[in-house]
């Protein structure tokens, strides 16, 4: 009888899952959200919303780091995550990415100053060879798989600024006619330089072929801890609460017409 009771208790202990520990994640970022303050960009808001949805399943600790160093830390440590990152085959070798996007943007624009004769839509090939433009980009940032490859193969036509935190310098150089163009999101550029005297002479050229939207994902260390974190983030991003928050904010963030296209592309990413 005692043996039967002991066996029953043992089986019960095996069947009842133990309370899982909180997953501690180091989030490398260009900045750290202020204690008790508001997040400094939309992607941070969305990441914190996903973490809040997960409750005590995950704990995020933000660590200030440059864009170049954050990828190094992701490969060195087993519990590092980055966010709002483009997913490219080159990056997927060194990180595990979320299945679902955290953020959506319109395609990058070719921003030009005092160049009224260039068409509203061109290819990068036309920009550098036909119009002989020197284009400013920041090192360590991915613009898209296609654009990154084009820059590598034609780097003599690009002014590559080392240090992602110095990106605003590119706009200043554009206004000073030290470079001919920069690659940037229209909303980011217009908000950053909205008080600049020369904004009336700025144009945003579409790069052919243009995509409906560009997505920012969560990327984590290619370890068991990183995979666990990605599984949790995907679970949170799939919830109606988080998806609705992101969709509504994207609709308010971007220009009319452009915002509908972005939100539709964002929602479509969850159908696959």
C-alpha atoms as a PDB file:
ATOM      1  CA  UNK A   1       0.000   0.000   0.000  1.00  0.00           C
ATOM      2  CA  UNK A   2       2.832   2.387   0.930  1.00  0.00           C
ATOM      3  CA  UNK A   3       4.561   1.536  -2.328  1.00  0.00           C
ATOM      4  CA  UNK A   4       1.387   2.356  -4.290  1.00  0.00           C
ATOM      5  CA  UNK A   5       1.015   5.728  -2.539  1.00  0.00           C
ATOM      6  CA  UNK A   6       4.688   6.594  -3.139  1.00  0.00           C
ATOM      7  CA  UNK A   7       4.391   5.651  -6.816  1.00  0.00           C
ATOM      8  CA  UNK A   8       1.257   7.780  -7.203  1.00  0.00           C
ATOM      9  CA  UNK A   9       2.934  10.811  -5.643  1.00  0.00           C
ATOM     10  CA  UNK A  10       5.991  10.359  -7.879  1.00  0.00           C
ATOM     11  CA  UNK A  11       3.846  10.220 -11.023  1.00  0.00           C
ATOM     12  CA  UNK A  12       1.934  13.308  -9.910  1.00  0.00           C
ATOM     13  CA  UNK A  13       5.183  15.218  -9.460  1.00  0.00           C
ATOM     14  CA  UNK A  14       6.307  14.213 -12.938  1.00  0.00           C
ATOM     15  CA  UNK A  15       3.020  15.206 -14.581  1.00  0.00           C
ATOM     16  CA  UNK A  16       2.740  18.659 -12.990  1.00  0.00           C
ATOM     17  CA  UNK A  17       5.136  21.038 -14.822  1.00  0.00           C
ATOM     18  CA  UNK A  18       7.504  23.016 -12.633  1.00  0.00           C
ATOM     19  CA  UNK A  19       7.102  26.781 -12.620  1.00  0.00           C
ATOM     20  CA  UNK A  20       9.397  28.087 -15.330  1.00  0.00           C
ATOM     21  CA  UNK A  21      11.963  30.712 -14.414  1.00  0.00           C
ATOM     22  CA  UNK A  22      11.898  34.190 -15.892  1.00  0.00           C
ATOM     23  CA  UNK A  23      14.020  34.459 -19.031  1.00  0.00           C
ATOM     24  CA  UNK A  24      16.568  37.249 -18.533  1.00  0.00           C
ATOM     25  CA  UNK A  25      17.455  39.044 -21.764  1.00  0.00           C
ATOM     26  CA  UNK A  26      20.054  41.730 -22.428  1.00  0.00           C
ATOM     27  CA  UNK A  27      18.695  44.169 -25.014  1.00  0.00           C
ATOM     28  CA  UNK A  28      21.451  46.050 -26.836  1.00  0.00           C
ATOM     29  CA  UNK A  29      20.286  49.392 -28.181  1.00  0.00           C
ATOM     30  CA  UNK A  30      21.511  52.818 -29.326  1.00  0.00           C
ATOM     31  CA  UNK A  31      19.873  54.214 -26.184  1.00  0.00           C
ATOM     32  CA  UNK A  32      18.276  53.011 -22.978  1.00  0.00           C
ATOM     33  CA  UNK A  33      14.661  53.965 -22.129  1.00  0.00           C
ATOM     34  CA  UNK A  34      14.641  56.407 -19.251  1.00  0.00           C
ATOM     35  CA  UNK A  35      13.605  54.995 -15.890  1.00  0.00           C
ATOM     36  CA  UNK A  36       9.979  55.925 -15.374  1.00  0.00           C
ATOM     37  CA  UNK A  37       9.930  57.906 -18.622  1.00  0.00           C
ATOM     38  CA  UNK A  38       8.521  57.330 -22.079  1.00  0.00           C
ATOM     39  CA  UNK A  39      10.331  55.197 -24.676  1.00  0.00           C
ATOM     40  CA  UNK A  40      12.268  57.286 -27.178  1.00  0.00           C
ATOM     41  CA  UNK A  41      10.940  55.646 -30.345  1.00  0.00           C
ATOM     42  CA  UNK A  42       8.019  53.595 -31.590  1.00  0.00           C
ATOM     43  CA  UNK A  43       9.882  50.294 -31.862  1.00  0.00           C
ATOM     44  CA  UNK A  44      10.822  50.499 -28.186  1.00  0.00           C
ATOM     45  CA  UNK A  45       7.174  51.059 -27.303  1.00  0.00           C
ATOM     46  CA  UNK A  46       6.202  47.950 -29.256  1.00  0.00           C
ATOM     47  CA  UNK A  47       8.971  45.834 -27.714  1.00  0.00           C
ATOM     48  CA  UNK A  48       7.938  46.854 -24.199  1.00  0.00           C
ATOM     49  CA  UNK A  49       4.298  46.113 -25.034  1.00  0.00           C
ATOM     50  CA  UNK A  50       5.266  42.603 -26.169  1.00  0.00           C
ATOM     51  CA  UNK A  51       7.291  42.089 -22.986  1.00  0.00           C
ATOM     52  CA  UNK A  52       4.374  43.304 -20.849  1.00  0.00           C
ATOM     53  CA  UNK A  53       2.101  40.800 -22.586  1.00  0.00           C
ATOM     54  CA  UNK A  54       4.510  38.030 -21.543  1.00  0.00           C
ATOM     55  CA  UNK A  55       4.447  39.083 -17.879  1.00  0.00           C
ATOM     56  CA  UNK A  56       7.022  37.296 -15.725  1.00  0.00           C
ATOM     57  CA  UNK A  57       7.993  34.934 -18.553  1.00  0.00           C
ATOM     58  CA  UNK A  58      10.646  37.410 -19.693  1.00  0.00           C
ATOM     59  CA  UNK A  59      12.711  40.236 -18.193  1.00  0.00           C
ATOM     60  CA  UNK A  60      14.437  42.831 -20.372  1.00  0.00           C
ATOM     61  CA  UNK A  61      17.553  44.734 -19.350  1.00  0.00           C
ATOM     62  CA  UNK A  62      18.531  47.514 -21.780  1.00  0.00           C
ATOM     63  CA  UNK A  63      22.254  48.058 -22.382  1.00  0.00           C
ATOM     64  CA  UNK A  64      23.548  51.039 -24.392  1.00  0.00           C
ATOM     65  CA  UNK A  65      25.577  49.908 -27.385  1.00  0.00           C
ATOM     66  CA  UNK A  66      26.495  51.085 -30.872  1.00  0.00           C
ATOM     67  CA  UNK A  67      25.031  49.311 -33.886  1.00  0.00           C
ATOM     68  CA  UNK A  68      28.362  47.686 -34.711  1.00  0.00           C
ATOM     69  CA  UNK A  69      29.041  46.517 -31.159  1.00  0.00           C
ATOM     70  CA  UNK A  70      25.522  45.165 -30.584  1.00  0.00           C
ATOM     71  CA  UNK A  71      25.961  42.519 -33.284  1.00  0.00           C
ATOM     72  CA  UNK A  72      29.302  41.538 -31.751  1.00  0.00           C
ATOM     73  CA  UNK A  73      27.686  41.143 -28.333  1.00  0.00           C
ATOM     74  CA  UNK A  74      24.897  39.053 -29.830  1.00  0.00           C
ATOM     75  CA  UNK A  75      27.480  36.553 -31.082  1.00  0.00           C
ATOM     76  CA  UNK A  76      29.531  36.573 -27.860  1.00  0.00           C
ATOM     77  CA  UNK A  77      26.733  36.224 -25.279  1.00  0.00           C
ATOM     78  CA  UNK A  78      23.929  33.681 -25.076  1.00  0.00           C
ATOM     79  CA  UNK A  79      21.097  35.989 -23.974  1.00  0.00           C
ATOM     80  CA  UNK A  80      21.319  39.099 -26.157  1.00  0.00           C
ATOM     81  CA  UNK A  81      18.469  40.440 -28.273  1.00  0.00           C
ATOM     82  CA  UNK A  82      18.328  43.344 -30.724  1.00  0.00           C
ATOM     83  CA  UNK A  83      15.170  44.867 -32.143  1.00  0.00           C
ATOM     84  CA  UNK A  84      13.877  46.752 -35.152  1.00  0.00           C
ATOM     85  CA  UNK A  85      16.396  44.930 -37.361  1.00  0.00           C
ATOM     86  CA  UNK A  86      16.052  44.068 -41.033  1.00  0.00           C
ATOM     87  CA  UNK A  87      16.195  40.346 -41.717  1.00  0.00           C
ATOM     88  CA  UNK A  88      18.839  39.449 -44.300  1.00  0.00           C
ATOM     89  CA  UNK A  89      20.527  36.123 -45.179  1.00  0.00           C
ATOM     90  CA  UNK A  90      23.864  37.511 -43.967  1.00  0.00           C
ATOM     91  CA  UNK A  91      22.407  38.384 -40.564  1.00  0.00           C
ATOM     92  CA  UNK A  92      20.491  35.115 -40.250  1.00  0.00           C
ATOM     93  CA  UNK A  93      23.828  33.300 -40.160  1.00  0.00           C
ATOM     94  CA  UNK A  94      24.637  34.972 -36.838  1.00  0.00           C
ATOM     95  CA  UNK A  95      21.210  35.430 -35.217  1.00  0.00           C
ATOM     96  CA  UNK A  96      17.779  33.890 -34.830  1.00  0.00           C
ATOM     97  CA  UNK A  97      14.996  36.235 -35.961  1.00  0.00           C
ATOM     98  CA  UNK A  98      11.355  36.519 -34.965  1.00  0.00           C
ATOM     99  CA  UNK A  99       8.907  35.141 -37.490  1.00  0.00           C
ATOM    100  CA  UNK A 100       6.679  38.196 -37.161  1.00  0.00           C
ATOM    101  CA  UNK A 101       7.671  41.856 -37.562  1.00  0.00           C
ATOM    102  CA  UNK A 102       7.844  44.286 -34.673  1.00  0.00           C
ATOM    103  CA  UNK A 103       7.874  47.398 -36.849  1.00  0.00           C
ATOM    104  CA  UNK A 104       7.074  48.424 -40.413  1.00  0.00           C
ATOM    105  CA  UNK A 105       8.400  51.300 -42.495  1.00  0.00           C
ATOM    106  CA  UNK A 106       7.950  52.550 -46.027  1.00  0.00           C
ATOM    107  CA  UNK A 107      10.860  51.842 -48.325  1.00  0.00           C
ATOM    108  CA  UNK A 108      13.941  54.041 -47.997  1.00  0.00           C
ATOM    109  CA  UNK A 109      13.917  57.136 -50.137  1.00  0.00           C
ATOM    110  CA  UNK A 110      16.778  58.758 -51.995  1.00  0.00           C
ATOM    111  CA  UNK A 111      16.767  62.216 -50.397  1.00  0.00           C
ATOM    112  CA  UNK A 112      18.204  64.963 -52.617  1.00  0.00           C
ATOM    113  CA  UNK A 113      18.719  68.721 -52.150  1.00  0.00           C
ATOM    114  CA  UNK A 114      18.437  71.343 -54.923  1.00  0.00           C
ATOM    115  CA  UNK A 115      18.077  68.767 -57.709  1.00  0.00           C
ATOM    116  CA  UNK A 116      14.753  69.566 -59.413  1.00  0.00           C
ATOM    117  CA  UNK A 117      15.461  67.771 -62.716  1.00  0.00           C
ATOM    118  CA  UNK A 118      15.922  64.216 -61.418  1.00  0.00           C
ATOM    119  CA  UNK A 119      12.774  62.048 -61.892  1.00  0.00           C
ATOM    120  CA  UNK A 120      10.598  61.160 -58.905  1.00  0.00           C
ATOM    121  CA  UNK A 121      11.542  57.478 -59.216  1.00  0.00           C
ATOM    122  CA  UNK A 122      14.910  56.073 -60.283  1.00  0.00           C
ATOM    123  CA  UNK A 123      17.152  53.077 -59.713  1.00  0.00           C
ATOM    124  CA  UNK A 124      20.365  53.261 -57.703  1.00  0.00           C
ATOM    125  CA  UNK A 125      22.211  52.337 -60.883  1.00  0.00           C
ATOM    126  CA  UNK A 126      20.807  55.445 -62.591  1.00  0.00           C
ATOM    127  CA  UNK A 127      21.563  57.558 -59.523  1.00  0.00           C
ATOM    128  CA  UNK A 128      25.296  56.822 -59.501  1.00  0.00           C
ATOM    129  CA  UNK A 129      26.070  56.339 -63.205  1.00  0.00           C
ATOM    130  CA  UNK A 130      23.607  58.575 -65.070  1.00  0.00           C
ATOM    131  CA  UNK A 131      23.258  61.372 -62.493  1.00  0.00           C
ATOM    132  CA  UNK A 132      26.712  60.835 -60.919  1.00  0.00           C
ATOM    133  CA  UNK A 133      25.424  61.175 -57.356  1.00  0.00           C
ATOM    134  CA  UNK A 134      27.528  60.577 -54.263  1.00  0.00           C
ATOM    135  CA  UNK A 135      25.140  59.014 -51.748  1.00  0.00           C
ATOM    136  CA  UNK A 136      25.537  59.091 -47.974  1.00  0.00           C
ATOM    137  CA  UNK A 137      24.910  55.916 -45.937  1.00  0.00           C
ATOM    138  CA  UNK A 138      25.783  54.829 -42.395  1.00  0.00           C
ATOM    139  CA  UNK A 139      28.036  51.872 -41.678  1.00  0.00           C
ATOM    140  CA  UNK A 140      26.456  49.064 -39.675  1.00  0.00           C
ATOM    141  CA  UNK A 141      22.916  49.802 -40.844  1.00  0.00           C
ATOM    142  CA  UNK A 142      21.061  47.491 -43.215  1.00  0.00           C
ATOM    143  CA  UNK A 143      18.921  49.263 -45.807  1.00  0.00           C
ATOM    144  CA  UNK A 144      17.737  46.046 -47.475  1.00  0.00           C
ATOM    145  CA  UNK A 145      19.416  42.958 -48.849  1.00  0.00           C
ATOM    146  CA  UNK A 146      19.473  44.429 -52.363  1.00  0.00           C
ATOM    147  CA  UNK A 147      20.672  47.902 -51.361  1.00  0.00           C
ATOM    148  CA  UNK A 148      23.360  46.553 -49.010  1.00  0.00           C
ATOM    149  CA  UNK A 149      24.758  44.396 -51.799  1.00  0.00           C
ATOM    150  CA  UNK A 150      24.673  47.308 -54.252  1.00  0.00           C
ATOM    151  CA  UNK A 151      26.571  49.544 -51.817  1.00  0.00           C
ATOM    152  CA  UNK A 152      29.259  46.871 -51.297  1.00  0.00           C
ATOM    153  CA  UNK A 153      29.779  46.472 -55.037  1.00  0.00           C
ATOM    154  CA  UNK A 154      29.791  50.217 -55.774  1.00  0.00           C
ATOM    155  CA  UNK A 155      31.251  51.666 -52.596  1.00  0.00           C
ATOM    156  CA  UNK A 156      33.288  54.294 -54.462  1.00  0.00           C
ATOM    157  CA  UNK A 157      30.021  56.123 -55.213  1.00  0.00           C
ATOM    158  CA  UNK A 158      28.905  56.184 -51.571  1.00  0.00           C
ATOM    159  CA  UNK A 159      30.009  58.297 -48.635  1.00  0.00           C
ATOM    160  CA  UNK A 160      29.978  55.713 -45.838  1.00  0.00           C
ATOM    161  CA  UNK A 161      29.773  57.339 -42.412  1.00  0.00           C
ATOM    162  CA  UNK A 162      31.259  55.202 -39.665  1.00  0.00           C
ATOM    163  CA  UNK A 163      29.126  55.298 -36.518  1.00  0.00           C
ATOM    164  CA  UNK A 164      25.371  54.966 -36.698  1.00  0.00           C
ATOM    165  CA  UNK A 165      24.825  57.564 -33.964  1.00  0.00           C
ATOM    166  CA  UNK A 166      26.382  60.130 -36.306  1.00  0.00           C
ATOM    167  CA  UNK A 167      23.683  59.578 -38.952  1.00  0.00           C
ATOM    168  CA  UNK A 168      22.268  63.149 -38.543  1.00  0.00           C
ATOM    169  CA  UNK A 169      25.605  64.401 -39.934  1.00  0.00           C
ATOM    170  CA  UNK A 170      24.644  63.034 -43.333  1.00  0.00           C
ATOM    171  CA  UNK A 171      21.684  65.399 -43.530  1.00  0.00           C
ATOM    172  CA  UNK A 172      23.870  68.332 -42.542  1.00  0.00           C
ATOM    173  CA  UNK A 173      26.351  67.377 -45.254  1.00  0.00           C
ATOM    174  CA  UNK A 174      23.500  67.179 -47.761  1.00  0.00           C
ATOM    175  CA  UNK A 175      22.356  70.729 -46.961  1.00  0.00           C
ATOM    176  CA  UNK A 176      25.994  71.867 -47.291  1.00  0.00           C
ATOM    177  CA  UNK A 177      26.267  70.219 -50.747  1.00  0.00           C
ATOM    178  CA  UNK A 178      29.133  68.008 -49.520  1.00  0.00           C
ATOM    179  CA  UNK A 179      27.201  64.954 -50.729  1.00  0.00           C
ATOM    180  CA  UNK A 180      24.449  64.707 -53.343  1.00  0.00           C
ATOM    181  CA  UNK A 181      21.934  62.427 -51.623  1.00  0.00           C
ATOM    182  CA  UNK A 182      21.264  60.264 -48.572  1.00  0.00           C
ATOM    183  CA  UNK A 183      19.322  57.052 -48.093  1.00  0.00           C
ATOM    184  CA  UNK A 184      16.697  57.526 -45.399  1.00  0.00           C
ATOM    185  CA  UNK A 185      13.047  57.031 -44.488  1.00  0.00           C
ATOM    186  CA  UNK A 186      11.025  60.086 -45.485  1.00  0.00           C
ATOM    187  CA  UNK A 187       9.337  60.413 -42.086  1.00  0.00           C
ATOM    188  CA  UNK A 188      12.653  60.170 -40.230  1.00  0.00           C
ATOM    189  CA  UNK A 189      14.345  62.779 -42.420  1.00  0.00           C
ATOM    190  CA  UNK A 190      11.424  65.229 -42.437  1.00  0.00           C
ATOM    191  CA  UNK A 191      11.056  65.061 -38.650  1.00  0.00           C
ATOM    192  CA  UNK A 192      14.793  65.339 -38.022  1.00  0.00           C
ATOM    193  CA  UNK A 193      15.282  68.426 -40.200  1.00  0.00           C
ATOM    194  CA  UNK A 194      11.819  70.015 -40.140  1.00  0.00           C
ATOM    195  CA  UNK A 195      13.290  73.343 -38.956  1.00  0.00           C
ATOM    196  CA  UNK A 196      16.160  73.375 -41.446  1.00  0.00           C
ATOM    197  CA  UNK A 197      16.014  76.451 -43.746  1.00  0.00           C
ATOM    198  CA  UNK A 198      16.542  74.400 -46.909  1.00  0.00           C
ATOM    199  CA  UNK A 199      13.699  71.894 -46.425  1.00  0.00           C
ATOM    200  CA  UNK A 200      11.676  73.472 -49.237  1.00  0.00           C
ATOM    201  CA  UNK A 201      14.357  72.268 -51.675  1.00  0.00           C
ATOM    202  CA  UNK A 202      14.378  68.680 -50.386  1.00  0.00           C
ATOM    203  CA  UNK A 203      12.884  65.936 -52.552  1.00  0.00           C
ATOM    204  CA  UNK A 204      12.214  62.288 -51.721  1.00  0.00           C
ATOM    205  CA  UNK A 205      12.825  60.042 -54.714  1.00  0.00           C
ATOM    206  CA  UNK A 206      11.427  56.513 -54.863  1.00  0.00           C
ATOM    207  CA  UNK A 207      13.904  53.746 -55.596  1.00  0.00           C
ATOM    208  CA  UNK A 208      12.722  51.268 -58.208  1.00  0.00           C
ATOM    209  CA  UNK A 209      11.524  48.601 -57.663  1.00  0.00           C
ATOM    210  CA  UNK A 210       9.749  49.922 -54.567  1.00  0.00           C
ATOM    211  CA  UNK A 211       8.404  47.607 -51.858  1.00  0.00           C
ATOM    212  CA  UNK A 212       5.120  48.155 -50.029  1.00  0.00           C
ATOM    213  CA  UNK A 213       6.901  48.084 -46.660  1.00  0.00           C
ATOM    214  CA  UNK A 214      10.155  47.218 -44.946  1.00  0.00           C
ATOM    215  CA  UNK A 215       9.950  45.285 -41.676  1.00  0.00           C
ATOM    216  CA  UNK A 216      11.964  45.495 -38.487  1.00  0.00           C
ATOM    217  CA  UNK A 217      12.267  42.226 -36.543  1.00  0.00           C
ATOM    218  CA  UNK A 218      13.624  41.040 -33.202  1.00  0.00           C
ATOM    219  CA  UNK A 219      16.971  39.230 -33.464  1.00  0.00           C
ATOM    220  CA  UNK A 220      18.511  37.183 -30.641  1.00  0.00           C
ATOM    221  CA  UNK A 221      21.629  35.149 -29.911  1.00  0.00           C
ATOM    222  CA  UNK A 222      21.691  31.864 -31.878  1.00  0.00           C
ATOM    223  CA  UNK A 223      21.523  29.868 -28.633  1.00  0.00           C
ATOM    224  CA  UNK A 224      18.861  27.970 -26.711  1.00  0.00           C
ATOM    225  CA  UNK A 225      18.177  31.072 -24.636  1.00  0.00           C
ATOM    226  CA  UNK A 226      17.895  33.171 -27.793  1.00  0.00           C
ATOM    227  CA  UNK A 227      15.497  30.676 -29.374  1.00  0.00           C
ATOM    228  CA  UNK A 228      13.355  30.676 -26.221  1.00  0.00           C
ATOM    229  CA  UNK A 229      13.218  34.468 -26.303  1.00  0.00           C
ATOM    230  CA  UNK A 230      12.191  34.505 -29.970  1.00  0.00           C
ATOM    231  CA  UNK A 231       9.438  31.942 -29.313  1.00  0.00           C
ATOM    232  CA  UNK A 232       8.086  34.149 -26.508  1.00  0.00           C
ATOM    233  CA  UNK A 233       8.261  37.330 -28.588  1.00  0.00           C
ATOM    234  CA  UNK A 234       6.461  35.649 -31.506  1.00  0.00           C
ATOM    235  CA  UNK A 235       3.750  34.494 -29.117  1.00  0.00           C
ATOM    236  CA  UNK A 236       3.278  38.062 -27.868  1.00  0.00           C
ATOM    237  CA  UNK A 237       3.373  39.648 -31.337  1.00  0.00           C
ATOM    238  CA  UNK A 238       0.606  37.299 -32.505  1.00  0.00           C
ATOM    239  CA  UNK A 239      -1.803  38.480 -29.805  1.00  0.00           C
ATOM    240  CA  UNK A 240      -4.608  40.751 -30.917  1.00  0.00           C
ATOM    241  CA  UNK A 241      -3.696  43.312 -28.236  1.00  0.00           C
ATOM    242  CA  UNK A 242      -0.111  43.847 -29.434  1.00  0.00           C
ATOM    243  CA  UNK A 243      -0.963  43.664 -33.143  1.00  0.00           C
ATOM    244  CA  UNK A 244      -3.737  46.235 -32.714  1.00  0.00           C
ATOM    245  CA  UNK A 245      -1.438  48.569 -30.787  1.00  0.00           C
ATOM    246  CA  UNK A 246       1.202  48.405 -33.518  1.00  0.00           C
ATOM    247  CA  UNK A 247      -1.281  48.759 -36.387  1.00  0.00           C
ATOM    248  CA  UNK A 248      -3.018  51.783 -34.867  1.00  0.00           C
ATOM    249  CA  UNK A 249       0.262  53.529 -34.129  1.00  0.00           C
ATOM    250  CA  UNK A 250       1.638  52.859 -37.623  1.00  0.00           C
ATOM    251  CA  UNK A 251      -1.542  54.346 -39.076  1.00  0.00           C
ATOM    252  CA  UNK A 252      -0.975  57.529 -37.062  1.00  0.00           C
ATOM    253  CA  UNK A 253       2.782  57.662 -37.610  1.00  0.00           C
ATOM    254  CA  UNK A 254       3.021  57.791 -41.398  1.00  0.00           C
ATOM    255  CA  UNK A 255       1.535  59.974 -44.098  1.00  0.00           C
ATOM    256  CA  UNK A 256      -1.994  59.418 -45.400  1.00  0.00           C
ATOM    257  CA  UNK A 257      -2.101  56.806 -48.161  1.00  0.00           C
ATOM    258  CA  UNK A 258       1.347  55.562 -47.273  1.00  0.00           C
ATOM    259  CA  UNK A 259       0.113  54.491 -43.821  1.00  0.00           C
ATOM    260  CA  UNK A 260      -2.669  52.263 -45.184  1.00  0.00           C
ATOM    261  CA  UNK A 261      -0.204  50.482 -47.462  1.00  0.00           C
ATOM    262  CA  UNK A 262       2.201  49.913 -44.559  1.00  0.00           C
ATOM    263  CA  UNK A 263      -0.458  48.611 -42.159  1.00  0.00           C
ATOM    264  CA  UNK A 264      -1.885  46.263 -44.807  1.00  0.00           C
ATOM    265  CA  UNK A 265       1.612  44.861 -45.447  1.00  0.00           C
ATOM    266  CA  UNK A 266       2.209  44.516 -41.699  1.00  0.00           C
ATOM    267  CA  UNK A 267      -1.017  42.576 -41.152  1.00  0.00           C
ATOM    268  CA  UNK A 268      -0.348  40.398 -44.201  1.00  0.00           C
ATOM    269  CA  UNK A 269       2.961  39.307 -42.627  1.00  0.00           C
ATOM    270  CA  UNK A 270       0.949  37.424 -39.967  1.00  0.00           C
ATOM    271  CA  UNK A 271      -0.984  35.390 -42.527  1.00  0.00           C
ATOM    272  CA  UNK A 272       1.999  33.211 -43.487  1.00  0.00           C
END
